[in-house]
Structures are given as structure tokens and as C-alpha cells.
Amino acid sequence: MTENKNTGNKGEEMASVYLTKRGFQILEKNWRHKHWEVDLIASSKKNILHFIEIKTRTTMKYGYPEESIGKKKMDNLRNAAEEYQYLHPEWKYIQFDVLAILLHPHEQVSYFLLEDVYF
């Protein structure tokens, strides 16, 4: 397994813990349909279904984690969300979020949650 994949997996696990502590209920991890994938699907106390893209980095060499999310990724997230909502029509309200995690080598981990991302 590559170092990037290991970092991504670690970030997704950390994201689950972070979001659960903030009142989210994790419904799906790495949910797939065709070639689309959603890192986390969660519900909130406001009865909103959240489709969450997790980006984790160990360095700022290439910028902030959230800066690496492009139009194609968001299109894929939207397509996956449409299919998930088709399969689960009980969800009337959805939201797209991005959780950026920066793993500093000798510092505390930083989390940056961008909620209700519009694209």
C-alpha cells in the first residue's frame, strides 16, 4: 500500500471519530456505485444527509488539503449522491461537505470542515 493511501485511510478513520464527536452518525464509509465513491455518508441531528469528501495531507508542500478537490471530483460526488438518494428516498435534505485534515509531524492534528459546499 502506498504512503498516500495509508495517509488517506488514516484520515478517513480520524474523520469518522471527529464527526461522531460532533453529533454526526456515520451511515456509510467508502460507499461506491459504479466508478463513483463517497468517503463518508453521515446524518446530522437536523435530519440532513451529508456526503463528505475527506482530504488528508502530511505536508503543506502542495497547499491545503481542500485545495486539491477539483470540479471532476465534485461532479463524481454529486453523481454518487444522486444514486444514493435514489436508493434511499427517505432523505429529503442533503448537503455536501469537505473535511480537510492536516497531520503535522510534531504538532496537533488540524481539522477544517467546510459545510454545505456549493459547486
Protein backbone atom coordinates (compact mmCIF):
# COMPACT_ATOMS: atom_id res chain seq x y z
CA MET A 1 0.00 0.00 0.00
CA THR A 2 1.36 3.43 -0.90
CA GLU A 3 2.12 6.13 1.64
CA ASN A 4 -0.62 8.34 0.16
CA LYS A 5 -3.18 5.53 0.52
CA ASN A 6 -2.09 4.94 4.12
CA THR A 7 -2.45 8.66 4.86
CA GLY A 8 -5.89 8.69 3.24
CA ASN A 9 -7.07 5.66 5.20
CA LYS A 10 -5.79 7.15 8.46
CA GLY A 11 -7.52 10.43 7.65
CA GLU A 12 -10.83 8.71 6.95
CA GLU A 13 -10.69 6.90 10.30
CA MET A 14 -9.81 10.14 12.09
CA ALA A 15 -12.64 11.90 10.25
CA SER A 16 -15.16 9.31 11.48
CA VAL A 17 -14.12 9.91 15.08
CA TYR A 18 -14.06 13.70 14.65
CA LEU A 19 -17.53 13.82 13.08
CA THR A 20 -19.06 11.35 15.55
CA LYS A 21 -17.89 13.55 18.45
CA ARG A 22 -19.70 16.45 16.79
CA GLY A 23 -23.03 14.65 16.65
CA PHE A 24 -22.92 13.03 13.21
CA GLN A 25 -23.96 9.42 12.75
CA ILE A 26 -21.78 7.65 10.21
CA LEU A 27 -24.00 5.67 7.83
CA GLU A 28 -21.50 4.59 5.16
CA LYS A 29 -17.76 4.55 4.68
CA ASN A 30 -16.30 4.45 1.16
CA TRP A 31 -19.72 3.93 -0.42
CA ARG A 32 -19.39 3.01 -4.08
CA HIS A 33 -21.63 2.98 -7.09
CA LYS A 34 -20.09 2.21 -10.46
CA HIS A 35 -16.86 4.22 -10.53
CA TRP A 36 -18.05 6.84 -8.03
CA GLU A 37 -17.12 6.79 -4.35
CA VAL A 38 -18.15 8.84 -1.34
CA ASP A 39 -15.67 8.82 1.55
CA LEU A 40 -18.31 9.23 4.26
CA ILE A 41 -22.07 9.47 4.30
CA ALA A 42 -23.46 10.69 7.60
CA SER A 43 -26.62 12.08 9.11
CA SER A 44 -26.90 15.03 11.45
CA LYS A 45 -29.31 15.92 14.21
CA LYS A 46 -31.06 18.25 11.75
CA ASN A 47 -32.12 15.21 9.68
CA ILE A 48 -29.72 16.15 6.87
CA LEU A 49 -27.84 13.57 4.85
CA HIS A 50 -24.20 14.63 4.45
CA PHE A 51 -21.93 13.49 1.63
CA ILE A 52 -18.44 14.15 2.91
CA GLU A 53 -15.19 14.25 0.96
CA ILE A 54 -12.14 13.72 3.19
CA LYS A 55 -8.76 15.14 2.18
CA THR A 56 -5.72 14.40 4.32
CA ARG A 57 -2.18 15.66 3.96
CA THR A 58 1.01 15.39 5.96
CA THR A 59 2.68 18.46 4.48
CA MET A 60 1.80 21.85 3.06
CA LYS A 61 4.17 21.29 0.14
CA TYR A 62 1.25 21.12 -2.30
CA GLY A 63 -1.10 23.50 -0.46
CA TYR A 64 -4.01 22.92 1.86
CA PRO A 65 -5.79 19.56 1.57
CA GLU A 66 -9.09 21.11 0.49
CA GLU A 67 -7.40 22.87 -2.43
CA SER A 68 -6.88 19.55 -4.19
CA ILE A 69 -10.60 19.00 -4.79
CA GLY A 70 -11.49 19.83 -8.36
CA LYS A 71 -14.62 20.06 -10.44
CA LYS A 72 -14.39 16.44 -11.62
CA LYS A 73 -14.26 15.15 -8.02
CA MET A 74 -17.26 17.25 -7.04
CA ASP A 75 -19.17 16.08 -10.14
CA ASN A 76 -18.45 12.49 -9.15
CA LEU A 77 -19.59 13.20 -5.59
CA ARG A 78 -22.83 14.73 -6.88
CA ASN A 79 -23.47 11.75 -9.20
CA ALA A 80 -22.89 9.29 -6.36
CA ALA A 81 -25.18 11.32 -4.10
CA GLU A 82 -27.95 11.26 -6.68
CA GLU A 83 -27.75 7.46 -6.86
CA TYR A 84 -27.64 7.11 -3.07
CA GLN A 85 -30.67 9.34 -2.68
CA TYR A 86 -32.49 7.34 -5.35
CA LEU A 87 -31.80 4.18 -3.31
CA HIS A 88 -32.75 5.93 -0.04
CA PRO A 89 -35.64 8.27 -0.89
CA GLU A 90 -36.46 8.87 2.77
CA TRP A 91 -33.73 11.55 2.82
CA LYS A 92 -35.24 14.84 1.72
CA TYR A 93 -32.37 17.15 2.65
CA ILE A 94 -28.79 16.61 1.56
CA GLN A 95 -25.59 18.55 1.95
CA PHE A 96 -22.08 18.29 0.55
CA ASP A 97 -19.20 18.83 2.96
CA VAL A 98 -15.42 18.68 2.81
CA LEU A 99 -13.29 17.74 5.79
CA ALA A 100 -9.64 18.68 5.40
CA ILE A 101 -7.16 17.10 7.80
CA LEU A 102 -3.56 18.20 8.16
CA LEU A 103 -1.30 15.77 10.02
CA HIS A 104 1.54 17.92 11.33
CA PRO A 105 4.60 15.82 12.22
CA HIS A 106 5.23 17.41 15.63
CA GLU A 107 2.03 19.36 16.19
CA GLN A 108 -1.61 18.73 16.92
CA VAL A 109 -3.74 17.50 14.01
CA SER A 110 -5.82 20.26 12.42
CA TYR A 111 -9.33 19.75 11.08
CA PHE A 112 -11.15 22.15 8.76
CA LEU A 113 -14.79 21.34 7.99
CA LEU A 114 -16.28 23.13 5.00
CA GLU A 115 -20.02 22.69 5.28
CA ASP A 116 -22.66 22.96 2.59
CA VAL A 117 -20.17 23.26 -0.25
CA TYR A 118 -21.73 24.68 -3.39
CA PHE A 119 -20.35 23.63 -6.75
